[in-house]
């Protein structure tokens, strides 16, 4: 039986799961509310309908993107990235454009 919109709202308002822990269940429930097939039913090969997929890197190889926007799952990257400290008061912050300048990654200059 499909999930109704009020049931969906009630279920997810009560959830205390982290965004990363709930993402796939949340999406599958949304598919039910909208009357859409679940990812595995819509695309058994995972070619076009998948939760996480390797991307090609410009310099070769495969891997998840090292950066994510501030709206990403749990606001982090798949590999994680610790906060940097500034041991030198004269150290500059450098901006590295991503996605054609739509987003930027910031690091401390050496």
Protein backbone atom coordinates (compact mmCIF):
# COMPACT_ATOMS: atom_id res chain seq x y z
CA UNK A 1 0.00 0.00 0.00
CA UNK A 2 1.47 3.39 -0.99
CA UNK A 3 2.56 5.78 1.72
CA UNK A 4 0.25 8.79 2.07
CA UNK A 5 1.62 12.33 2.32
CA UNK A 6 0.43 12.77 5.96
CA UNK A 7 2.08 9.44 6.91
CA UNK A 8 5.30 10.52 5.19
CA UNK A 9 5.35 13.87 7.01
CA UNK A 10 4.62 12.25 10.37
CA UNK A 11 7.31 9.61 9.88
CA UNK A 12 10.04 12.04 8.90
CA UNK A 13 9.19 14.78 11.39
CA UNK A 14 9.67 12.19 14.15
CA UNK A 15 12.96 10.88 12.75
CA UNK A 16 16.13 11.56 14.71
CA UNK A 17 18.43 9.82 12.20
CA UNK A 18 21.32 11.76 10.72
CA UNK A 19 20.90 12.97 7.16
CA UNK A 20 23.40 10.38 5.91
CA UNK A 21 21.74 7.51 7.79
CA UNK A 22 18.25 8.38 6.57
CA UNK A 23 18.92 9.51 3.00
CA UNK A 24 18.09 6.30 1.15
CA UNK A 25 15.04 5.41 3.27
CA UNK A 26 13.80 8.99 2.97
CA UNK A 27 14.15 8.90 -0.82
CA UNK A 28 12.42 5.51 -1.13
CA UNK A 29 9.52 6.75 1.00
CA UNK A 30 9.30 9.84 -1.21
CA UNK A 31 9.08 7.57 -4.27
CA UNK A 32 6.14 5.80 -2.64
CA UNK A 33 4.33 9.07 -1.87
CA UNK A 34 4.80 10.25 -5.46
CA UNK A 35 3.82 6.90 -6.93
CA UNK A 36 7.24 6.39 -8.54
CA UNK A 37 9.18 3.11 -8.70
CA UNK A 38 11.94 2.54 -6.18
CA UNK A 39 15.50 2.89 -7.53
CA UNK A 40 16.13 -0.88 -7.74
CA UNK A 41 12.85 -1.41 -9.60
CA UNK A 42 13.44 1.48 -12.00
CA UNK A 43 17.06 0.66 -12.85
CA UNK A 44 18.40 -2.78 -11.93
CA UNK A 45 21.86 -2.03 -13.35
CA UNK A 46 22.40 1.25 -11.47
CA UNK A 47 23.43 3.01 -14.68
CA UNK A 48 21.13 6.00 -14.33
CA UNK A 49 19.35 5.78 -10.99
CA UNK A 50 21.72 5.28 -8.07
CA UNK A 51 22.49 6.84 -4.70
CA UNK A 52 26.26 7.13 -4.97
CA UNK A 53 28.35 6.42 -8.00
CA UNK A 54 32.00 6.82 -8.87
CA UNK A 55 32.82 9.75 -11.09
CA UNK A 56 35.60 10.02 -13.63
CA UNK A 57 38.44 12.29 -12.65
CA UNK A 58 39.97 14.66 -15.17
CA UNK A 59 43.44 13.34 -14.34
CA UNK A 60 42.37 9.71 -14.62
CA UNK A 61 41.09 7.15 -12.17
CA UNK A 62 37.78 6.83 -10.40
CA UNK A 63 36.52 8.10 -7.07
CA UNK A 64 33.93 10.16 -5.30
CA UNK A 65 34.27 13.90 -5.59
CA UNK A 66 36.53 15.25 -2.87
CA UNK A 67 34.39 18.32 -2.27
CA UNK A 68 30.72 18.75 -1.56
CA UNK A 69 28.62 21.86 -1.22
CA UNK A 70 27.38 23.05 2.15
CA UNK A 71 24.05 21.37 1.34
CA UNK A 72 25.63 17.91 0.98
CA UNK A 73 24.81 14.96 3.20
CA UNK A 74 25.96 15.74 6.72
CA UNK A 75 27.76 18.74 5.19
CA UNK A 76 30.87 16.66 4.56
CA UNK A 77 32.81 14.81 1.91
CA UNK A 78 32.85 11.03 1.45
CA UNK A 79 36.52 10.83 2.42
CA UNK A 80 36.20 13.44 5.15
CA UNK A 81 38.28 16.56 5.47
CA UNK A 82 39.49 17.92 8.78
CA UNK A 83 39.53 21.59 9.66
CA UNK A 84 42.84 23.31 9.09
CA UNK A 85 44.43 25.55 11.66
CA UNK A 86 46.46 28.64 10.92
CA UNK A 87 49.77 28.38 12.75
CA UNK A 88 51.09 31.45 10.94
CA UNK A 89 49.23 34.72 11.35
CA UNK A 90 50.50 35.83 7.93
CA UNK A 91 49.13 32.75 6.17
CA UNK A 92 46.75 33.50 3.28
CA UNK A 93 43.50 31.73 2.47
CA UNK A 94 43.35 30.62 -1.15
CA UNK A 95 40.19 29.97 -3.11
CA UNK A 96 40.01 27.10 -5.60
CA UNK A 97 37.03 27.26 -7.96
CA UNK A 98 34.95 24.12 -8.46
CA UNK A 99 32.21 23.45 -11.00
CA UNK A 100 33.31 26.31 -13.20
CA UNK A 101 33.38 28.73 -10.29
CA UNK A 102 29.91 27.88 -9.00
CA UNK A 103 31.48 26.60 -5.76
CA UNK A 104 34.87 27.12 -4.17
CA UNK A 105 37.11 25.14 -1.87
CA UNK A 106 39.23 27.13 0.55
CA UNK A 107 42.64 26.11 1.88
CA UNK A 108 45.48 27.77 3.70
CA UNK A 109 48.42 28.82 1.52
CA UNK A 110 51.81 27.39 2.40
